Amino acid sequence: MRILRAFAVAAGCASTVLALGAPVSNTELSEVCAQAEDPAHCGRLVEAVQLKRLPNLARREGNVLSVSLYPSGSTNFTDSDDVVNGRSYSLWDYLDGINAVVIYTTAGDNTTFTLLQRTTNRRIELPTEPQLAPDRQHLVTADICEARCSNEVVVWGVTREGIRKELVWSPGAAWTDAVAKWKDTATLSFEYAGPDGTGTAERKLDDPGWKRVP
């Protein structure tokens, strides 16, 4: 299971009426999801916290999560209880720097994150919780685990037109779990676990080991 924040922990201008987004801290997440029945339930508990922090960003009406667009309008994410294709959506975070909303998404045993750009209503599904770079032009995801993961770290380029892969790197079998964060605009830092234990590492964006996506 991933170290990543989600159920694992437990067991551009924005509208002026919005408060600045604040991700739920690891401590909060542990407390909020301590009694969660499953990942979807954990996501809904986090959503309840975030709806209070961001009251003008989204609202929940039954199985429909409605997110406001900018400068006007809204878009809906509708939960489905279908046994085979059921999905749930929960408000997770707001990235003020790029005016985007992060939606925690579950489908059966799979969990992903949907990034919604509020100015264009463009959506992209990401494998893990994205981390925004200080330059606001990049995101990073680290999809590392022992099974059912791509085992890739991906740097995504952020533009008004959408989100696209720019750099991809795999640690191979050396890592079985990892969390990626930005040390600065040009450097990523990692906390990882592997067959030989846990550790930390850094990787610059100009490292030749990255595969550049055309």
C-alpha atoms as a PDB file:
ATOM      1  CA  MET A   1       0.000   0.000   0.000  1.00  0.00           C
ATOM      2  CA  ARG A   2       1.241   3.478  -0.841  1.00  0.00           C
ATOM      3  CA  ILE A   3       2.598   5.921   1.724  1.00  0.00           C
ATOM      4  CA  LEU A   4       0.532   8.488  -0.163  1.00  0.00           C
ATOM      5  CA  ARG A   5      -2.017  10.623   1.576  1.00  0.00           C
ATOM      6  CA  ALA A   6      -5.471   9.149   1.209  1.00  0.00           C
ATOM      7  CA  PHE A   7      -7.038   6.202   3.003  1.00  0.00           C
ATOM      8  CA  ALA A   8      -3.537   4.722   3.520  1.00  0.00           C
ATOM      9  CA  VAL A   9      -2.762   7.385   6.114  1.00  0.00           C
ATOM     10  CA  ALA A  10      -5.813   6.467   8.127  1.00  0.00           C
ATOM     11  CA  ALA A  11      -5.453   2.532   8.588  1.00  0.00           C
ATOM     12  CA  GLY A  12      -5.432  31.881 -13.806  1.00  0.00           C
ATOM     13  CA  CYS A  13      -7.236  34.024 -11.106  1.00  0.00           C
ATOM     14  CA  ALA A  14      -9.519  32.666  -8.539  1.00  0.00           C
ATOM     15  CA  SER A  15     -12.772  34.214  -7.474  1.00  0.00           C
ATOM     16  CA  THR A  16     -12.318  36.714  -4.676  1.00  0.00           C
ATOM     17  CA  VAL A  17     -15.005  35.000  -2.605  1.00  0.00           C
ATOM     18  CA  LEU A  18     -12.849  31.860  -2.276  1.00  0.00           C
ATOM     19  CA  ALA A  19     -10.535  31.328   0.628  1.00  0.00           C
ATOM     20  CA  LEU A  20      -7.088  30.025  -0.245  1.00  0.00           C
ATOM     21  CA  GLY A  21      -7.077  26.274  -0.562  1.00  0.00           C
ATOM     22  CA  ALA A  22      -5.427  24.279   2.153  1.00  0.00           C
ATOM     23  CA  PRO A  23      -4.720  20.569   1.820  1.00  0.00           C
ATOM     24  CA  VAL A  24      -5.760  18.397   4.712  1.00  0.00           C
ATOM     25  CA  SER A  25      -2.594  17.694   6.691  1.00  0.00           C
ATOM     26  CA  ASN A  26      -1.457  14.148   7.442  1.00  0.00           C
ATOM     27  CA  THR A  27      -2.422  14.642  11.083  1.00  0.00           C
ATOM     28  CA  GLU A  28      -5.892  15.857  10.149  1.00  0.00           C
ATOM     29  CA  LEU A  29      -6.300  13.039   7.677  1.00  0.00           C
ATOM     30  CA  SER A  30      -5.429  10.440  10.275  1.00  0.00           C
ATOM     31  CA  GLU A  31      -7.991  11.927  12.655  1.00  0.00           C
ATOM     32  CA  VAL A  32     -10.738  12.480  10.079  1.00  0.00           C
ATOM     33  CA  CYS A  33     -10.463   9.018   8.529  1.00  0.00           C
ATOM     34  CA  ALA A  34      -9.691   7.020  11.666  1.00  0.00           C
ATOM     35  CA  GLN A  35     -13.123   5.362  11.580  1.00  0.00           C
ATOM     36  CA  ALA A  36     -13.585   5.334   7.796  1.00  0.00           C
ATOM     37  CA  GLU A  37     -15.054   2.122   6.393  1.00  0.00           C
ATOM     38  CA  ASP A  38     -13.227   2.309   3.055  1.00  0.00           C
ATOM     39  CA  PRO A  39     -11.433   4.799   0.752  1.00  0.00           C
ATOM     40  CA  ALA A  40     -14.697   6.262  -0.569  1.00  0.00           C
ATOM     41  CA  HIS A  41     -15.917   6.927   2.965  1.00  0.00           C
ATOM     42  CA  CYS A  42     -12.587   8.536   3.845  1.00  0.00           C
ATOM     43  CA  GLY A  43     -12.906  10.795   0.817  1.00  0.00           C
ATOM     44  CA  ARG A  44     -16.368  11.890   1.845  1.00  0.00           C
ATOM     45  CA  LEU A  45     -15.164  12.698   5.377  1.00  0.00           C
ATOM     46  CA  VAL A  46     -12.351  14.832   3.939  1.00  0.00           C
ATOM     47  CA  GLU A  47     -14.869  16.535   1.678  1.00  0.00           C
ATOM     48  CA  ALA A  48     -16.956  17.563   4.679  1.00  0.00           C
ATOM     49  CA  VAL A  49     -13.909  19.352   6.092  1.00  0.00           C
ATOM     50  CA  GLN A  50     -13.050  21.049   2.804  1.00  0.00           C
ATOM     51  CA  LEU A  51     -16.606  22.194   2.091  1.00  0.00           C
ATOM     52  CA  LYS A  52     -16.477  24.199   5.312  1.00  0.00           C
ATOM     53  CA  ARG A  53     -13.116  25.711   4.400  1.00  0.00           C
ATOM     54  CA  LEU A  54     -14.179  26.504   0.835  1.00  0.00           C
ATOM     55  CA  PRO A  55     -17.904  27.239   1.121  1.00  0.00           C
ATOM     56  CA  ASN A  56     -18.186  29.049  -2.221  1.00  0.00           C
ATOM     57  CA  LEU A  57     -16.216  26.508  -4.221  1.00  0.00           C
ATOM     58  CA  ALA A  58     -18.487  23.463  -4.140  1.00  0.00           C
ATOM     59  CA  ARG A  59     -21.610  21.973  -2.654  1.00  0.00           C
ATOM     60  CA  ARG A  60     -22.920  18.483  -2.068  1.00  0.00           C
ATOM     61  CA  GLU A  61     -26.506  17.466  -2.836  1.00  0.00           C
ATOM     62  CA  GLY A  62     -27.000  13.743  -2.343  1.00  0.00           C
ATOM     63  CA  ASN A  63     -24.837  11.869  -4.830  1.00  0.00           C
ATOM     64  CA  VAL A  64     -23.931  15.017  -6.785  1.00  0.00           C
ATOM     65  CA  LEU A  65     -20.870  17.160  -6.088  1.00  0.00           C
ATOM     66  CA  SER A  66     -21.260  20.516  -7.841  1.00  0.00           C
ATOM     67  CA  VAL A  67     -18.096  22.601  -8.343  1.00  0.00           C
ATOM     68  CA  SER A  68     -18.225  26.256  -9.354  1.00  0.00           C
ATOM     69  CA  LEU A  69     -16.397  27.327 -12.499  1.00  0.00           C
ATOM     70  CA  TYR A  70     -14.701  30.685 -13.077  1.00  0.00           C
ATOM     71  CA  PRO A  71     -15.918  33.278 -13.838  1.00  0.00           C
ATOM     72  CA  SER A  72     -19.361  31.667 -13.847  1.00  0.00           C
ATOM     73  CA  GLY A  73     -21.203  28.399 -14.119  1.00  0.00           C
ATOM     74  CA  SER A  74     -20.681  25.034 -12.485  1.00  0.00           C
ATOM     75  CA  THR A  75     -19.951  21.411 -13.317  1.00  0.00           C
ATOM     76  CA  ASN A  76     -21.129  18.219 -11.651  1.00  0.00           C
ATOM     77  CA  PHE A  77     -19.503  14.993 -10.516  1.00  0.00           C
ATOM     78  CA  THR A  78     -22.170  12.336  -9.934  1.00  0.00           C
ATOM     79  CA  ASP A  79     -21.550   9.251  -7.821  1.00  0.00           C
ATOM     80  CA  SER A  80     -22.669   5.888  -9.183  1.00  0.00           C
ATOM     81  CA  ASP A  81     -23.546   2.835  -7.104  1.00  0.00           C
ATOM     82  CA  ASP A  82     -23.287   0.480 -10.074  1.00  0.00           C
ATOM     83  CA  VAL A  83     -21.780  -2.809  -8.895  1.00  0.00           C
ATOM     84  CA  VAL A  84     -19.400  -3.015 -11.872  1.00  0.00           C
ATOM     85  CA  ASN A  85     -18.766   0.586 -12.901  1.00  0.00           C
ATOM     86  CA  GLY A  86     -19.563   2.439  -9.692  1.00  0.00           C
ATOM     87  CA  ARG A  87     -17.541   5.576  -8.921  1.00  0.00           C
ATOM     88  CA  SER A  88     -17.470   8.135  -6.132  1.00  0.00           C
ATOM     89  CA  TYR A  89     -16.135  11.697  -6.149  1.00  0.00           C
ATOM     90  CA  SER A  90     -15.098  13.807  -3.167  1.00  0.00           C
ATOM     91  CA  LEU A  91     -13.747  17.347  -2.933  1.00  0.00           C
ATOM     92  CA  TRP A  92     -10.116  17.004  -1.829  1.00  0.00           C
ATOM     93  CA  ASP A  93      -8.245  20.263  -2.375  1.00  0.00           C
ATOM     94  CA  TYR A  94      -8.124  23.588  -4.201  1.00  0.00           C
ATOM     95  CA  LEU A  95      -4.900  24.649  -5.950  1.00  0.00           C
ATOM     96  CA  ASP A  96      -5.163  28.421  -5.839  1.00  0.00           C
ATOM     97  CA  GLY A  97      -1.999  28.911  -7.900  1.00  0.00           C
ATOM     98  CA  ILE A  98      -3.617  27.421 -11.006  1.00  0.00           C
ATOM     99  CA  ASN A  99      -7.297  27.832 -10.070  1.00  0.00           C
ATOM    100  CA  ALA A 100      -7.859  24.087 -10.129  1.00  0.00           C
ATOM    101  CA  VAL A 101      -9.836  21.686  -7.965  1.00  0.00           C
ATOM    102  CA  VAL A 102      -8.595  18.258  -6.917  1.00  0.00           C
ATOM    103  CA  ILE A 103     -11.281  15.574  -6.697  1.00  0.00           C
ATOM    104  CA  TYR A 104     -10.599  12.278  -4.916  1.00  0.00           C
ATOM    105  CA  THR A 105     -12.048   9.524  -7.106  1.00  0.00           C
ATOM    106  CA  THR A 106     -12.698   5.880  -6.291  1.00  0.00           C
ATOM    107  CA  ALA A 107     -13.779   3.066  -8.592  1.00  0.00           C
ATOM    108  CA  GLY A 108     -13.976  -0.242  -6.790  1.00  0.00           C
ATOM    109  CA  ASP A 109     -10.609  -0.781  -5.133  1.00  0.00           C
ATOM    110  CA  ASN A 110      -8.894   1.796  -7.344  1.00  0.00           C
ATOM    111  CA  THR A 111      -8.290   5.380  -6.270  1.00  0.00           C
ATOM    112  CA  THR A 112      -7.200   8.289  -8.449  1.00  0.00           C
ATOM    113  CA  PHE A 113      -7.424  12.075  -8.434  1.00  0.00           C
ATOM    114  CA  THR A 114      -9.291  14.169 -10.991  1.00  0.00           C
ATOM    115  CA  LEU A 115      -7.891  17.651 -11.614  1.00  0.00           C
ATOM    116  CA  LEU A 116     -10.463  20.195 -12.802  1.00  0.00           C
ATOM    117  CA  GLN A 117      -9.298  23.495 -14.326  1.00  0.00           C
ATOM    118  CA  ARG A 118     -12.051  25.921 -13.347  1.00  0.00           C
ATOM    119  CA  THR A 119     -11.550  28.442 -16.149  1.00  0.00           C
ATOM    120  CA  THR A 120     -11.931  25.881 -18.954  1.00  0.00           C
ATOM    121  CA  ASN A 121     -13.772  22.958 -17.299  1.00  0.00           C
ATOM    122  CA  ARG A 122     -10.985  20.678 -18.534  1.00  0.00           C
ATOM    123  CA  ARG A 123     -10.450  17.500 -16.522  1.00  0.00           C
ATOM    124  CA  ILE A 124      -7.602  15.042 -16.292  1.00  0.00           C
ATOM    125  CA  GLU A 125      -7.322  11.913 -14.181  1.00  0.00           C
ATOM    126  CA  LEU A 126      -4.058  11.576 -12.273  1.00  0.00           C
ATOM    127  CA  PRO A 127      -2.835   8.415 -10.520  1.00  0.00           C
ATOM    128  CA  THR A 128      -1.952  10.099  -7.217  1.00  0.00           C
ATOM    129  CA  GLU A 129      -2.436  13.403  -5.435  1.00  0.00           C
ATOM    130  CA  PRO A 130      -0.676  16.077  -7.525  1.00  0.00           C
ATOM    131  CA  GLN A 131       1.858  18.465  -5.991  1.00  0.00           C
ATOM    132  CA  LEU A 132       2.086  21.941  -7.530  1.00  0.00           C
ATOM    133  CA  ALA A 133       5.531  23.383  -8.282  1.00  0.00           C
ATOM    134  CA  PRO A 134       6.541  26.818  -6.943  1.00  0.00           C
ATOM    135  CA  ASP A 135       6.536  28.166 -10.510  1.00  0.00           C
ATOM    136  CA  ARG A 136       2.885  27.102 -10.906  1.00  0.00           C
ATOM    137  CA  GLN A 137       3.781  25.646 -14.292  1.00  0.00           C
ATOM    138  CA  HIS A 138       4.266  22.022 -13.272  1.00  0.00           C
ATOM    139  CA  LEU A 139       2.712  19.246 -11.202  1.00  0.00           C
ATOM    140  CA  VAL A 140       4.291  15.995 -10.040  1.00  0.00           C
ATOM    141  CA  THR A 141       2.730  12.617  -9.284  1.00  0.00           C
ATOM    142  CA  ALA A 142       4.507   9.531  -7.929  1.00  0.00           C
ATOM    143  CA  ASP A 143       2.628   6.332  -8.695  1.00  0.00           C
ATOM    144  CA  ILE A 144       4.886   3.867  -6.878  1.00  0.00           C
ATOM    145  CA  CYS A 145       3.735   0.683  -5.146  1.00  0.00           C
ATOM    146  CA  GLU A 146       4.296  -3.069  -5.187  1.00  0.00           C
ATOM    147  CA  ALA A 147       1.317  -3.927  -7.388  1.00  0.00           C
ATOM    148  CA  ARG A 148      -1.157  -2.240  -9.747  1.00  0.00           C
ATOM    149  CA  CYS A 149       0.913   0.924 -10.169  1.00  0.00           C
ATOM    150  CA  SER A 150       2.768   2.357 -13.141  1.00  0.00           C
ATOM    151  CA  ASN A 151       5.883   2.740 -10.930  1.00  0.00           C
ATOM    152  CA  GLU A 152       6.500   6.095 -12.546  1.00  0.00           C
ATOM    153  CA  VAL A 153       7.202   9.608 -11.362  1.00  0.00           C
ATOM    154  CA  VAL A 154       5.625  12.045 -13.814  1.00  0.00           C
ATOM    155  CA  VAL A 155       6.137  15.788 -14.159  1.00  0.00           C
ATOM    156  CA  TRP A 156       3.151  17.417 -15.834  1.00  0.00           C
ATOM    157  CA  GLY A 157       3.146  20.739 -17.653  1.00  0.00           C
ATOM    158  CA  VAL A 158       0.313  23.112 -16.717  1.00  0.00           C
ATOM    159  CA  THR A 159      -1.181  25.507 -19.251  1.00  0.00           C
ATOM    160  CA  ARG A 160      -4.581  27.094 -19.713  1.00  0.00           C
ATOM    161  CA  GLU A 161      -5.185  24.623 -22.529  1.00  0.00           C
ATOM    162  CA  GLY A 162      -4.712  21.612 -20.288  1.00  0.00           C
ATOM    163  CA  ILE A 163      -2.335  19.317 -18.409  1.00  0.00           C
ATOM    164  CA  ARG A 164       0.157  17.121 -20.273  1.00  0.00           C
ATOM    165  CA  LYS A 165       3.036  14.781 -19.450  1.00  0.00           C
ATOM    166  CA  GLU A 166       6.485  16.301 -19.894  1.00  0.00           C
ATOM    167  CA  LEU A 167       8.905  14.080 -17.958  1.00  0.00           C
ATOM    168  CA  VAL A 168       8.734  10.441 -16.833  1.00  0.00           C
ATOM    169  CA  TRP A 169      11.134   8.474 -14.643  1.00  0.00           C
ATOM    170  CA  SER A 170      10.972   5.073 -12.971  1.00  0.00           C
ATOM    171  CA  PRO A 171      13.040   3.977  -9.954  1.00  0.00           C
ATOM    172  CA  GLY A 172      12.508   0.353 -10.950  1.00  0.00           C
ATOM    173  CA  ALA A 173      12.498  -2.276  -8.212  1.00  0.00           C
ATOM    174  CA  ALA A 174      14.547  -0.081  -5.873  1.00  0.00           C
ATOM    175  CA  TRP A 175      11.396   1.641  -4.584  1.00  0.00           C
ATOM    176  CA  THR A 176       8.106   0.042  -3.599  1.00  0.00           C
ATOM    177  CA  ASP A 177       6.505   3.216  -2.250  1.00  0.00           C
ATOM    178  CA  ALA A 178       7.228   6.926  -2.592  1.00  0.00           C
ATOM    179  CA  VAL A 179       6.001  10.459  -1.976  1.00  0.00           C
ATOM    180  CA  ALA A 180       7.219  13.318  -4.170  1.00  0.00           C
ATOM    181  CA  LYS A 181       7.382  16.994  -3.228  1.00  0.00           C
ATOM    182  CA  TRP A 182       8.998  20.091  -4.695  1.00  0.00           C
ATOM    183  CA  LYS A 183      12.205  21.289  -3.050  1.00  0.00           C
ATOM    184  CA  ASP A 184      12.290  24.185  -5.491  1.00  0.00           C
ATOM    185  CA  THR A 185      11.185  24.908  -9.059  1.00  0.00           C
ATOM    186  CA  ALA A 186      13.940  22.726 -10.527  1.00  0.00           C
ATOM    187  CA  THR A 187      14.250  19.978  -7.893  1.00  0.00           C
ATOM    188  CA  LEU A 188      12.046  17.185  -6.566  1.00  0.00           C
ATOM    189  CA  SER A 189      12.509  15.539  -3.190  1.00  0.00           C
ATOM    190  CA  PHE A 190      11.313  12.032  -2.348  1.00  0.00           C
ATOM    191  CA  GLU A 191      10.560   9.939   0.696  1.00  0.00           C
ATOM    192  CA  TYR A 192      10.637   6.318  -0.370  1.00  0.00           C
ATOM    193  CA  ALA A 193      10.523   2.726   0.839  1.00  0.00           C
ATOM    194  CA  GLY A 194      12.087  -0.275  -0.816  1.00  0.00           C
ATOM    195  CA  PRO A 195      13.533  -3.742  -0.226  1.00  0.00           C
ATOM    196  CA  ASP A 196      16.507  -2.179   1.553  1.00  0.00           C
ATOM    197  CA  GLY A 197      14.470   0.098   3.823  1.00  0.00           C
ATOM    198  CA  THR A 198      13.369   3.723   3.705  1.00  0.00           C
ATOM    199  CA  GLY A 199      15.238   6.808   2.613  1.00  0.00           C
ATOM    200  CA  THR A 200      15.158  10.204   0.948  1.00  0.00           C
ATOM    201  CA  ALA A 201      16.381  11.334  -2.455  1.00  0.00           C
ATOM    202  CA  GLU A 202      16.407  14.340  -4.753  1.00  0.00           C
ATOM    203  CA  ARG A 203      16.181  14.595  -8.516  1.00  0.00           C
ATOM    204  CA  LYS A 204      16.587  17.685 -10.678  1.00  0.00           C
ATOM    205  CA  LEU A 205      14.397  18.249 -13.707  1.00  0.00           C
ATOM    206  CA  ASP A 206      17.444  18.492 -15.961  1.00  0.00           C
ATOM    207  CA  ASP A 207      18.728  15.072 -14.860  1.00  0.00           C
ATOM    208  CA  PRO A 208      19.450  13.006 -18.009  1.00  0.00           C
ATOM    209  CA  GLY A 209      17.612  10.014 -16.514  1.00  0.00           C
ATOM    210  CA  TRP A 210      14.225  11.548 -17.277  1.00  0.00           C
ATOM    211  CA  LYS A 211      12.349  10.425 -20.377  1.00  0.00           C
ATOM    212  CA  ARG A 212      11.027  13.504 -22.151  1.00  0.00           C
ATOM    213  CA  VAL A 213       7.556  13.136 -23.604  1.00  0.00           C
ATOM    214  CA  PRO A 214       7.257  14.779 -27.032  1.00  0.00           C
END
